[in-house]
Amino acid sequence: MFNRKYSDFHFKNGSLKIGMKTYIAGIINVNPDSFSDGGMFEDVDSAMLRAKEMIEAGIDIIDIGGESTRPGYKSVDSEIEVSRVIPVIRRLRSEFNTIISVDTQKAEVAKLAMDAGANIINDIWGLQGDPGMAEVVAETDAGVIIMHNSDKGIYGDIIEEILEFFRKSIKIALAAGVSEAKIIIDPGIGFAKTYDDNIEILSNLSDLNVLGMPILLGTSRKSFIGSILDKPAHERIEGSLATGVLGIAAGVDVLRVHDYEETKRASKISDVIVRREHG
């Protein structure tokens, strides 16, 4: 069994107690080309309806993204991304008291999202892409999710390389004035990784606990699940739930998902078993 991490994860205007339960981050992609839900929540009203459903279901975090990062994606201009995410974040903040994360790799977009009411910045390049991102995290008092990514996608010991990536990201964060208590790590399943890479990471997730930081896992509906089940994205819920439950057993603290109601039920059972003293 992993060594449980009991601490607080801090972000703008709030915190979460880590180790007490598994937190669920529900995905809302407000762009036309995400691999699973692209085009479903492009306008503010449809995004808000989805967010309302999530909040009523008891989801802990709503993760808003305005740029697809599916394999082979083409980056969009900051102006386009801003036009997609800021109206949703602004309205969501005005109507609900919920935790909002913005899924962006651009410091400019992250800053505007925080100004509009977001609490957390979810960076797929773990502060190692846009050189201004760490400063934005520090200036806005944001919490930050640092995800592992790579330009090369070829690994020796993939777990050790992920850990080294995180150590570099943490160093960048600390140098910018971001405390360790504001950091969540994410191994980046599906990002610059083969099928075998993803399986290797999931088989050794507990090794990431050595850093003593909260872990987010994002496997929801991803292609390796499709390869195993031979199912399209919208029919991969069983695989998403299985990887999430195994992640909880390995020490994962946050699950980033599309199928939030089913995941919440599965995580509730898992928490009673894995975190028995808090069940």
Foldseek 3Di string as FASTA:
>chain_A
DFDFFFDWQFWPPDIDTGRLFAAEEAEDELAQDAQFCHPQRVDLVSSVVVVVVCVVLPHQEYEYEHAHPAPPGDDDDLVNRLVRGLVNLLVCQVPDDHAYEYEDQDLVSRLSSLVSPHIEYEHQQLCPPHVCNLLSCQVSRHQYEGEDADPQLDDDQLVVVLVVSNVVSVVSNVVSPHDLSRYEYEDNQNHSYDLVRNVSCLVQVLVSCVVSHAYEYEPQQDVSLCVVVVDRSVPSVVVLLVSLLSNVLSHHRYYYYNPRSVNVVSRVVSCCVNVVVSD
